[in-house]
């Protein structure tokens, strides 16, 4: 899973030959929040599919 990081963003690609899956994603991080998105494509039992996942979050406070 190679990835690249800039000042506030991390991007990656992924490949799973056994499951015939490919994907890419990115996440933008700050001290108070994060948001990210991943897209995966593949084929299962002869059916092609695409999965898109989007996440968001915010800092609620220090860990206890």
C-alpha atoms as a PDB file:
ATOM      1  CA  UNK A   1       0.000   0.000   0.000  1.00  0.00           C
ATOM      2  CA  UNK A   2       2.159   2.873  -1.205  1.00  0.00           C
ATOM      3  CA  UNK A   3       1.163   6.299   0.033  1.00  0.00           C
ATOM      4  CA  UNK A   4       2.203   9.926  -0.208  1.00  0.00           C
ATOM      5  CA  UNK A   5       1.979  12.578   2.476  1.00  0.00           C
ATOM      6  CA  UNK A   6       1.905  16.338   2.079  1.00  0.00           C
ATOM      7  CA  UNK A   7       1.444  19.009   4.737  1.00  0.00           C
ATOM      8  CA  UNK A   8      -2.185  18.061   5.496  1.00  0.00           C
ATOM      9  CA  UNK A   9      -3.118  15.257   3.084  1.00  0.00           C
ATOM     10  CA  UNK A  10      -2.301  11.567   2.786  1.00  0.00           C
ATOM     11  CA  UNK A  11      -3.104   9.683  -0.437  1.00  0.00           C
ATOM     12  CA  UNK A  12      -2.752   5.973  -1.170  1.00  0.00           C
ATOM     13  CA  UNK A  13      -3.444   3.201  -3.649  1.00  0.00           C
ATOM     14  CA  UNK A  14      -4.119  -0.441  -2.929  1.00  0.00           C
ATOM     15  CA  UNK A  15      -4.299  -3.689  -4.859  1.00  0.00           C
ATOM     16  CA  UNK A  16      -5.377  -7.130  -3.716  1.00  0.00           C
ATOM     17  CA  UNK A  17      -4.679  -9.650  -6.509  1.00  0.00           C
ATOM     18  CA  UNK A  18      -6.327 -12.549  -4.658  1.00  0.00           C
ATOM     19  CA  UNK A  19      -9.627 -10.694  -4.427  1.00  0.00           C
ATOM     20  CA  UNK A  20      -9.145  -8.776  -7.701  1.00  0.00           C
ATOM     21  CA  UNK A  21      -9.616  -5.470  -5.843  1.00  0.00           C
ATOM     22  CA  UNK A  22      -8.081  -2.118  -6.671  1.00  0.00           C
ATOM     23  CA  UNK A  23      -8.568   1.147  -4.895  1.00  0.00           C
ATOM     24  CA  UNK A  24      -7.357   4.629  -4.106  1.00  0.00           C
ATOM     25  CA  UNK A  25      -8.067   7.103  -1.372  1.00  0.00           C
ATOM     26  CA  UNK A  26      -7.130  10.299   0.344  1.00  0.00           C
ATOM     27  CA  UNK A  27      -7.531  11.873   3.763  1.00  0.00           C
ATOM     28  CA  UNK A  28      -7.127  15.493   4.786  1.00  0.00           C
ATOM     29  CA  UNK A  29      -6.157  16.024   8.407  1.00  0.00           C
ATOM     30  CA  UNK A  30      -6.025  19.035  10.696  1.00  0.00           C
ATOM     31  CA  UNK A  31      -5.665  19.445  14.433  1.00  0.00           C
ATOM     32  CA  UNK A  32      -9.466  19.696  14.775  1.00  0.00           C
ATOM     33  CA  UNK A  33     -10.913  17.526  12.009  1.00  0.00           C
ATOM     34  CA  UNK A  34     -10.402  14.953   9.269  1.00  0.00           C
ATOM     35  CA  UNK A  35     -12.162  13.949   6.103  1.00  0.00           C
ATOM     36  CA  UNK A  36     -11.392  11.207   3.654  1.00  0.00           C
ATOM     37  CA  UNK A  37     -12.644   9.176   0.739  1.00  0.00           C
ATOM     38  CA  UNK A  38     -11.783   5.759  -0.683  1.00  0.00           C
ATOM     39  CA  UNK A  39     -12.944   4.165  -3.935  1.00  0.00           C
ATOM     40  CA  UNK A  40     -12.514   0.441  -4.593  1.00  0.00           C
ATOM     41  CA  UNK A  41     -13.384  -1.572  -7.693  1.00  0.00           C
ATOM     42  CA  UNK A  42     -13.394  -5.287  -8.249  1.00  0.00           C
ATOM     43  CA  UNK A  43     -15.229  -8.340  -9.465  1.00  0.00           C
ATOM     44  CA  UNK A  44     -16.970 -10.997  -7.400  1.00  0.00           C
ATOM     45  CA  UNK A  45     -18.579 -14.085  -8.944  1.00  0.00           C
ATOM     46  CA  UNK A  46     -18.475 -12.425 -12.371  1.00  0.00           C
ATOM     47  CA  UNK A  47     -20.153  -9.221 -11.156  1.00  0.00           C
ATOM     48  CA  UNK A  48     -18.215  -5.956 -11.274  1.00  0.00           C
ATOM     49  CA  UNK A  49     -18.665  -3.556  -8.392  1.00  0.00           C
ATOM     50  CA  UNK A  50     -17.503  -0.211  -7.060  1.00  0.00           C
ATOM     51  CA  UNK A  51     -17.461   0.800  -3.401  1.00  0.00           C
ATOM     52  CA  UNK A  52     -17.115   4.416  -2.325  1.00  0.00           C
ATOM     53  CA  UNK A  53     -16.513   5.234   1.320  1.00  0.00           C
ATOM     54  CA  UNK A  54     -16.495   8.734   2.780  1.00  0.00           C
ATOM     55  CA  UNK A  55     -15.541   9.565   6.366  1.00  0.00           C
ATOM     56  CA  UNK A  56     -15.527  12.764   8.389  1.00  0.00           C
ATOM     57  CA  UNK A  57     -14.591  13.422  11.975  1.00  0.00           C
ATOM     58  CA  UNK A  58     -13.849  16.156  14.472  1.00  0.00           C
ATOM     59  CA  UNK A  59     -11.759  16.362  17.598  1.00  0.00           C
ATOM     60  CA  UNK A  60     -13.872  16.103  20.720  1.00  0.00           C
ATOM     61  CA  UNK A  61     -11.102  16.661  23.240  1.00  0.00           C
ATOM     62  CA  UNK A  62      -8.056  14.984  24.752  1.00  0.00           C
ATOM     63  CA  UNK A  63      -7.913  11.205  25.185  1.00  0.00           C
ATOM     64  CA  UNK A  64      -8.824   9.985  28.672  1.00  0.00           C
END
